[in-house]
Amino acid sequence: MNIRRNPIVVPCIDIQSGKVVQLIQGKTKALEGPDPLEMLEKFAGFEEIQVIDLDAAMGVGDNAPIIEMLASRAKCRVGGGVRTALRAQKLVDLGAHRVIVGTAAFTPEIQNIVDSVGRQKLVVALDSKSGKVVVDGWATTLNTTAQESLAQFSELCSGFLCTYVDKEGMMQGTDLDWFAQLRAATKLEITAAGGITTLDDVRALLAMDIDVAIGMAIYTGGLSLADLLRISSK
């Protein structure tokens, strides 16, 4: 397997009811952004974009036409509601470069998903709250840690999206020590998310060879796209 050694900044586009939104703790809508295509144009120059279909994640529909449009114009890793192999394959068919699987990774369906789209297309989401992995929209806590789960999925995916839920969307900083522990536990690609607020956060994570997924800090103006492009291209 090829292991990319050039970590990148990955801007996030979360879609709900056809609109770009940002949520706090995955629940409370903090803001609406520009039209999805306008947002994508603002992100021109970044190597990859992360797109999450919140309606699909919540089981209240999907935004397939928007995902297809975005994926036709940029390299997109796409998640949200990937509970079956059929859904994973649909996202690949819509143009997703890779598919993010969360809750379903901890069910027998994960093998069907791997068989359908291949491990190179899969990113497993390990969302952590109070030290434990949370699934089902962060409503269910599993008796395992993200560190323990890295080994469990190492042969099933090409990388991990690790969200520090405790600070997600809160603009209060993240836990760099936790991400350092994760980095030490796997050679596969890791993308950090959750509470990433400052350029120092971003620089520290990139220095660990960790991709950095950023949402709220971009949409609130806390981090400028020009600064992020500059440090991610070094």
Protein backbone atom coordinates (compact mmCIF):
# COMPACT_ATOMS: atom_id res chain seq x y z
CA MET A 1 0.00 0.00 0.00
CA ASN A 2 1.21 3.49 -0.82
CA ILE A 3 1.46 5.65 2.30
CA ARG A 4 1.35 9.35 1.47
CA ARG A 5 3.99 11.29 3.37
CA ASN A 6 2.86 14.81 2.51
CA PRO A 7 0.12 15.81 4.95
CA ILE A 8 -2.46 18.30 3.73
CA VAL A 9 -5.12 20.70 4.96
CA VAL A 10 -8.59 19.46 4.02
CA PRO A 11 -11.38 22.07 4.06
CA CYS A 12 -14.82 20.72 4.98
CA ILE A 13 -18.18 21.13 3.30
CA ASP A 14 -21.05 19.81 5.44
CA ILE A 15 -24.39 19.77 3.62
CA GLN A 16 -27.85 19.86 5.16
CA SER A 17 -31.04 20.44 3.15
CA GLY A 18 -28.93 21.49 0.17
CA LYS A 19 -27.07 24.16 2.15
CA VAL A 20 -23.55 24.38 3.56
CA VAL A 21 -23.76 24.40 7.37
CA GLN A 22 -21.59 24.10 10.43
CA LEU A 23 -22.83 22.33 13.53
CA ILE A 24 -21.62 22.46 17.13
CA GLN A 25 -21.15 19.01 18.64
CA GLY A 26 -22.88 17.54 15.60
CA LYS A 27 -26.26 18.93 16.69
CA THR A 28 -26.71 22.68 16.97
CA LYS A 29 -26.50 24.62 13.70
CA ALA A 30 -24.07 27.49 14.23
CA LEU A 31 -24.12 28.99 10.77
CA GLU A 32 -24.96 28.59 7.10
CA GLY A 33 -22.27 29.13 4.52
CA PRO A 34 -22.43 30.13 0.87
CA ASP A 35 -23.86 27.96 -1.88
CA PRO A 36 -21.95 24.62 -2.10
CA LEU A 37 -20.42 25.48 -5.48
CA GLU A 38 -19.37 28.93 -4.25
CA MET A 39 -17.78 27.31 -1.23
CA LEU A 40 -15.94 24.85 -3.44
CA GLU A 41 -14.59 27.71 -5.53
CA LYS A 42 -13.28 29.35 -2.35
CA PHE A 43 -11.39 26.12 -1.66
CA ALA A 44 -9.66 26.08 -5.05
CA GLY A 45 -6.00 25.22 -4.57
CA PHE A 46 -6.52 22.65 -1.83
CA GLU A 47 -5.68 19.08 -2.82
CA GLU A 48 -8.76 17.44 -1.31
CA ILE A 49 -12.12 18.49 0.10
CA GLN A 50 -14.10 16.64 2.76
CA VAL A 51 -17.84 16.50 2.08
CA ILE A 52 -20.30 15.22 4.68
CA ASP A 53 -23.96 14.65 3.79
CA LEU A 54 -25.62 15.41 7.11
CA ASP A 55 -29.10 14.49 5.86
CA ALA A 56 -27.88 11.02 4.91
CA ALA A 57 -26.08 10.73 8.23
CA MET A 58 -29.31 11.56 10.06
CA GLY A 59 -31.42 9.29 7.84
CA VAL A 60 -33.62 12.08 6.48
CA GLY A 61 -32.69 11.97 2.79
CA ASP A 62 -29.53 12.78 0.89
CA ASN A 63 -27.86 15.43 -1.25
CA ALA A 64 -26.69 13.20 -4.09
CA PRO A 65 -26.91 15.84 -6.87
CA ILE A 66 -24.75 18.26 -4.87
CA ILE A 67 -22.22 15.56 -4.03
CA GLU A 68 -22.00 14.56 -7.68
CA MET A 69 -21.49 18.20 -8.68
CA LEU A 70 -18.76 18.76 -6.10
CA ALA A 71 -17.00 15.47 -6.85
CA SER A 72 -16.94 16.30 -10.56
CA ARG A 73 -14.98 19.48 -9.81
CA ALA A 74 -12.63 18.46 -7.00
CA LYS A 75 -11.07 15.45 -5.30
CA CYS A 76 -13.60 14.75 -2.55
CA ARG A 77 -13.61 12.34 0.35
CA VAL A 78 -17.29 11.85 1.13
CA GLY A 79 -19.15 10.59 4.19
CA GLY A 80 -22.54 10.64 5.81
CA GLY A 81 -24.91 7.73 6.20
CA VAL A 82 -22.55 5.09 4.81
CA ARG A 83 -24.24 2.18 6.56
CA THR A 84 -24.29 -0.28 3.66
CA ALA A 85 -22.12 -1.43 0.79
CA LEU A 86 -24.80 -0.08 -1.57
CA ARG A 87 -24.44 3.42 -0.12
CA ALA A 88 -20.65 3.26 -0.30
CA GLN A 89 -20.78 2.17 -3.93
CA LYS A 90 -23.29 4.91 -4.74
CA LEU A 91 -20.91 7.57 -3.41
CA VAL A 92 -18.05 6.14 -5.48
CA ASP A 93 -20.35 6.14 -8.51
CA LEU A 94 -21.16 9.79 -7.81
CA GLY A 95 -17.43 10.52 -8.04
CA ALA A 96 -16.17 10.28 -4.46
CA HIS A 97 -12.40 9.80 -4.39
CA ARG A 98 -12.78 8.01 -1.08
CA VAL A 99 -15.66 7.11 1.24
CA ILE A 100 -15.77 7.78 4.99
CA VAL A 101 -17.39 5.01 7.07
CA GLY A 102 -18.25 5.56 10.72
CA THR A 103 -20.90 3.56 12.56
CA ALA A 104 -21.00 0.76 10.00
CA ALA A 105 -17.31 0.09 10.54
CA PHE A 106 -18.25 -1.47 13.86
CA THR A 107 -20.80 -3.84 12.30
CA PRO A 108 -20.43 -6.94 10.11
CA GLU A 109 -21.39 -4.78 7.11
CA ILE A 110 -17.89 -3.34 7.01
CA GLN A 111 -16.60 -6.42 5.20
CA ASN A 112 -19.29 -6.03 2.53
CA ILE A 113 -18.30 -2.38 2.13
CA VAL A 114 -14.64 -3.33 1.73
CA ASP A 115 -15.55 -6.02 -0.78
CA SER A 116 -17.67 -3.52 -2.73
CA VAL A 117 -15.36 -0.54 -3.08
CA GLY A 118 -11.95 -1.80 -1.89
CA ARG A 119 -9.86 -0.78 1.11
CA GLN A 120 -8.02 1.92 -0.83
CA LYS A 121 -11.33 3.80 -1.18
CA LEU A 122 -12.20 3.58 2.51
CA VAL A 123 -11.51 5.94 5.39
CA VAL A 124 -12.73 4.73 8.79
CA ALA A 125 -14.03 7.45 11.10
CA LEU A 126 -12.96 7.06 14.72
CA ASP A 127 -14.85 9.71 16.66
CA SER A 128 -13.76 9.96 20.28
CA LYS A 129 -15.55 11.53 23.25
CA SER A 130 -14.32 11.29 26.84
CA GLY A 131 -11.73 8.80 25.63
CA LYS A 132 -14.11 6.32 24.00
CA VAL A 133 -15.27 5.81 20.42
CA VAL A 134 -18.78 7.13 19.77
CA VAL A 135 -21.11 6.08 16.94
CA ASP A 136 -24.74 6.57 15.87
CA GLY A 137 -24.31 10.31 15.52
CA TRP A 138 -22.19 10.32 18.69
CA ALA A 139 -25.18 9.03 20.67
CA THR A 140 -23.71 5.59 21.47
CA THR A 141 -20.45 5.06 23.33
CA LEU A 142 -18.48 1.91 22.57
CA ASN A 143 -16.21 0.13 25.01
CA THR A 144 -13.12 0.80 22.93
CA THR A 145 -10.70 3.64 22.30
CA ALA A 146 -9.57 5.11 19.01
CA GLN A 147 -6.06 3.79 19.69
CA GLU A 148 -7.39 0.25 20.11
CA SER A 149 -9.49 0.55 16.95
CA LEU A 150 -6.58 1.57 14.73
CA ALA A 151 -5.18 -1.96 14.72
CA GLN A 152 -8.64 -3.49 14.28
CA PHE A 153 -9.16 -1.70 10.96
CA SER A 154 -5.61 -1.56 9.65
CA GLU A 155 -6.28 -4.18 6.96
CA LEU A 156 -9.69 -2.81 5.97
CA CYS A 157 -9.03 0.80 5.00
CA SER A 158 -6.47 3.26 3.66
CA GLY A 159 -6.71 5.74 6.50
CA PHE A 160 -8.60 7.16 9.45
CA LEU A 161 -10.61 10.29 10.18
CA CYS A 162 -10.15 10.90 13.90
CA THR A 163 -12.44 13.49 15.44
CA TYR A 164 -11.87 14.88 18.92
CA VAL A 165 -15.56 15.23 19.67
CA ASP A 166 -15.06 16.87 23.07
CA LYS A 167 -14.11 20.13 21.33
CA GLU A 168 -15.73 19.70 17.91
CA GLY A 169 -17.17 22.95 16.58
CA MET A 170 -16.40 24.82 19.79
CA MET A 171 -13.32 26.80 18.65
CA GLN A 172 -11.51 25.93 21.89
CA GLY A 173 -8.48 24.11 20.53
CA THR A 174 -7.86 20.40 20.20
CA ASP A 175 -5.84 17.67 21.96
CA LEU A 176 -2.50 17.46 20.23
CA ASP A 177 -1.21 14.82 22.65
CA TRP A 178 -4.10 12.52 21.70
CA PHE A 179 -3.34 12.90 18.02
CA ALA A 180 0.35 12.21 18.68
CA GLN A 181 -0.62 8.95 20.37
CA LEU A 182 -2.73 7.98 17.38
CA ARG A 183 0.08 8.82 14.98
CA ALA A 184 2.43 6.56 16.91
CA ALA A 185 -0.04 3.68 16.71
CA THR A 186 -0.41 3.34 12.92
CA LYS A 187 1.45 3.89 9.68
CA LEU A 188 -1.75 4.55 7.80
CA GLU A 189 -2.95 8.03 6.96
CA ILE A 190 -4.66 9.97 9.74
CA THR A 191 -6.86 13.02 9.34
CA ALA A 192 -7.44 15.11 12.46
CA ALA A 193 -10.70 16.93 13.12
CA GLY A 194 -12.44 18.57 16.05
CA GLY A 195 -11.56 21.84 17.74
CA ILE A 196 -8.70 22.79 15.43
CA THR A 197 -8.63 26.54 15.91
CA THR A 198 -5.21 28.13 15.35
CA LEU A 199 -2.40 28.02 12.84
CA ASP A 200 -0.24 26.57 15.60
CA ASP A 201 -2.71 23.66 15.85
CA VAL A 202 -2.47 23.14 12.10
CA ARG A 203 1.31 23.37 11.97
CA ALA A 204 1.69 20.92 14.86
CA LEU A 205 -0.57 18.35 13.23
CA LEU A 206 1.07 18.67 9.82
CA ALA A 207 4.45 18.22 11.53
CA MET A 208 3.13 14.92 12.93
CA ASP A 209 2.34 13.79 9.35
CA ILE A 210 -1.39 14.16 10.00
CA ASP A 211 -3.90 15.66 7.58
CA VAL A 212 -5.98 18.48 9.06
CA ALA A 213 -9.73 18.71 8.36
CA ILE A 214 -11.00 22.20 9.16
CA GLY A 215 -14.57 23.47 9.21
CA MET A 216 -15.71 25.95 11.84
CA ALA A 217 -12.43 27.88 12.01
CA ILE A 218 -12.65 28.58 8.28
CA TYR A 219 -16.32 29.52 8.22
CA THR A 220 -16.03 31.90 11.18
CA GLY A 221 -12.94 33.57 9.75
CA GLY A 222 -10.73 32.32 12.57
CA LEU A 223 -8.34 30.88 10.01
CA SER A 224 -7.75 32.40 6.59
CA LEU A 225 -7.69 30.23 3.50
CA ALA A 226 -4.58 32.09 2.28
CA ASP A 227 -2.67 31.18 5.46
CA LEU A 228 -3.86 27.57 5.30
CA LEU A 229 -2.84 27.25 1.67
CA ARG A 230 0.57 28.68 2.44
CA ILE A 231 1.42 26.34 5.31
CA SER A 232 -0.07 23.28 3.65
CA SER A 233 2.07 23.74 0.54
CA LYS A 234 5.38 23.78 2.40
